[in-house]
């Protein structure tokens, strides 16, 4: 009997890079635990965010991962980040309960941006 544990999707190097690019600080098992670095929620969050970007976002590249339905909201955030002289890309191919093939495509996509972790 082998002592090897089963391979999980998160053991894949591309998936690990995807989680790092998303700002995840921990992940485990087949269901990912995502810990967002910061969540800003208030009535005028985008206005407040404009003034905070230089202080809370030390990097100059951002990848926003969303679906097609709320891409318009992602574009508003992207505009704020772009105004702070950040390179911003939006990936809007997220689907509910994605098949592994879709996840692998999503994992490869950030690599084309030359991400900085």
Protein backbone atom coordinates (compact mmCIF):
# COMPACT_ATOMS: atom_id res chain seq x y z
CA UNK A 1 0.00 0.00 0.00
CA UNK A 2 1.38 3.38 -0.98
CA UNK A 3 1.73 6.14 1.60
CA UNK A 4 1.29 8.80 -1.05
CA UNK A 5 -1.68 11.08 -0.62
CA UNK A 6 -3.93 11.74 -3.63
CA UNK A 7 -2.99 14.63 -5.92
CA UNK A 8 -5.18 17.67 -5.46
CA UNK A 9 -5.80 20.42 -7.99
CA UNK A 10 -4.10 22.91 -5.66
CA UNK A 11 -0.88 20.89 -5.85
CA UNK A 12 -0.55 22.08 -9.44
CA UNK A 13 2.00 24.90 -9.74
CA UNK A 14 -0.23 26.90 -12.09
CA UNK A 15 -3.07 26.79 -9.55
CA UNK A 16 -0.75 27.92 -6.78
CA UNK A 17 0.29 30.88 -8.94
CA UNK A 18 -3.36 31.70 -9.62
CA UNK A 19 -4.09 31.82 -5.88
CA UNK A 20 -1.02 33.97 -5.24
CA UNK A 21 -2.02 36.33 -8.05
CA UNK A 22 -5.46 36.59 -6.48
CA UNK A 23 -3.87 37.57 -3.17
CA UNK A 24 -4.84 34.38 -1.37
CA UNK A 25 -2.82 33.78 1.75
CA UNK A 26 -3.97 30.22 2.37
CA UNK A 27 -5.59 27.36 0.56
CA UNK A 28 -6.28 23.72 1.33
CA UNK A 29 -8.13 20.63 0.14
CA UNK A 30 -10.43 20.53 -2.85
CA UNK A 31 -12.40 23.53 -1.66
CA UNK A 32 -10.22 26.58 -1.54
CA UNK A 33 -10.08 28.81 1.49
CA UNK A 34 -9.52 32.31 0.14
CA UNK A 35 -8.50 35.05 2.53
CA UNK A 36 -8.82 38.47 0.95
CA UNK A 37 -6.14 40.95 2.00
CA UNK A 38 -8.66 43.81 2.36
CA UNK A 39 -12.36 44.25 1.78
CA UNK A 40 -13.74 47.79 1.49
CA UNK A 41 -17.48 48.03 1.96
CA UNK A 42 -19.40 51.25 2.34
CA UNK A 43 -21.69 53.52 0.38
CA UNK A 44 -18.88 55.40 -1.37
CA UNK A 45 -16.26 52.64 -1.33
CA UNK A 46 -14.87 53.50 -4.78
CA UNK A 47 -14.39 57.14 -3.83
CA UNK A 48 -12.63 56.13 -0.61
CA UNK A 49 -10.61 53.50 -2.51
CA UNK A 50 -9.23 56.15 -4.90
CA UNK A 51 -7.43 57.85 -2.04
CA UNK A 52 -6.24 54.61 -0.46
CA UNK A 53 -4.81 52.82 -3.51
CA UNK A 54 -1.23 54.11 -3.23
CA UNK A 55 -1.09 53.27 0.48
CA UNK A 56 -2.71 49.82 0.47
CA UNK A 57 -1.68 48.42 -2.92
CA UNK A 58 2.13 48.26 -3.07
CA UNK A 59 2.24 46.45 -6.43
CA UNK A 60 1.73 47.96 -9.86
CA UNK A 61 -0.22 45.11 -11.48
CA UNK A 62 -3.76 43.96 -10.76
CA UNK A 63 -5.78 41.03 -12.06
CA UNK A 64 -9.52 41.20 -11.44
CA UNK A 65 -11.24 37.83 -11.72
CA UNK A 66 -15.00 37.97 -12.25
CA UNK A 67 -17.82 36.74 -14.45
CA UNK A 68 -19.47 38.46 -17.40
CA UNK A 69 -22.51 39.49 -15.34
CA UNK A 70 -20.61 41.82 -13.01
CA UNK A 71 -17.78 42.81 -15.33
CA UNK A 72 -19.16 46.36 -15.37
CA UNK A 73 -18.45 46.64 -11.62
CA UNK A 74 -14.94 45.26 -12.17
CA UNK A 75 -14.38 47.93 -14.83
CA UNK A 76 -15.18 50.64 -12.27
CA UNK A 77 -12.56 49.22 -9.91
CA UNK A 78 -10.12 48.88 -12.83
CA UNK A 79 -10.60 52.56 -13.67
CA UNK A 80 -9.63 53.54 -10.11
CA UNK A 81 -6.57 51.28 -10.21
CA UNK A 82 -5.55 52.57 -13.65
CA UNK A 83 -5.77 56.15 -12.37
CA UNK A 84 -3.24 55.09 -9.72
CA UNK A 85 -0.88 54.09 -12.56
CA UNK A 86 -1.46 50.35 -12.20
CA UNK A 87 -1.57 47.85 -15.05
CA UNK A 88 -5.01 46.22 -14.80
CA UNK A 89 -6.43 43.17 -16.58
CA UNK A 90 -9.92 41.73 -16.17
CA UNK A 91 -10.62 38.03 -16.66
CA UNK A 92 -14.38 37.50 -16.90
CA UNK A 93 -14.59 33.78 -17.70
CA UNK A 94 -15.64 32.62 -14.22
CA UNK A 95 -18.56 30.18 -14.29
CA UNK A 96 -20.46 28.45 -11.47
CA UNK A 97 -19.13 24.99 -10.60
CA UNK A 98 -16.44 25.14 -13.28
CA UNK A 99 -15.09 21.97 -14.86
CA UNK A 100 -11.38 21.30 -14.30
CA UNK A 101 -10.61 22.39 -17.88
CA UNK A 102 -12.04 25.85 -17.17
CA UNK A 103 -10.02 26.13 -13.96
CA UNK A 104 -6.82 25.21 -15.79
CA UNK A 105 -7.47 27.87 -18.45
CA UNK A 106 -7.98 30.39 -15.66
CA UNK A 107 -4.77 29.25 -13.98
CA UNK A 108 -2.74 29.80 -17.16
CA UNK A 109 -4.15 33.24 -17.91
CA UNK A 110 -2.29 35.24 -15.20
CA UNK A 111 1.02 33.87 -16.48
CA UNK A 112 0.59 35.88 -19.67
CA UNK A 113 0.65 39.05 -17.56
CA UNK A 114 4.10 38.38 -16.07
CA UNK A 115 2.70 38.65 -12.53
CA UNK A 116 4.78 39.87 -9.61
CA UNK A 117 4.07 38.10 -6.31
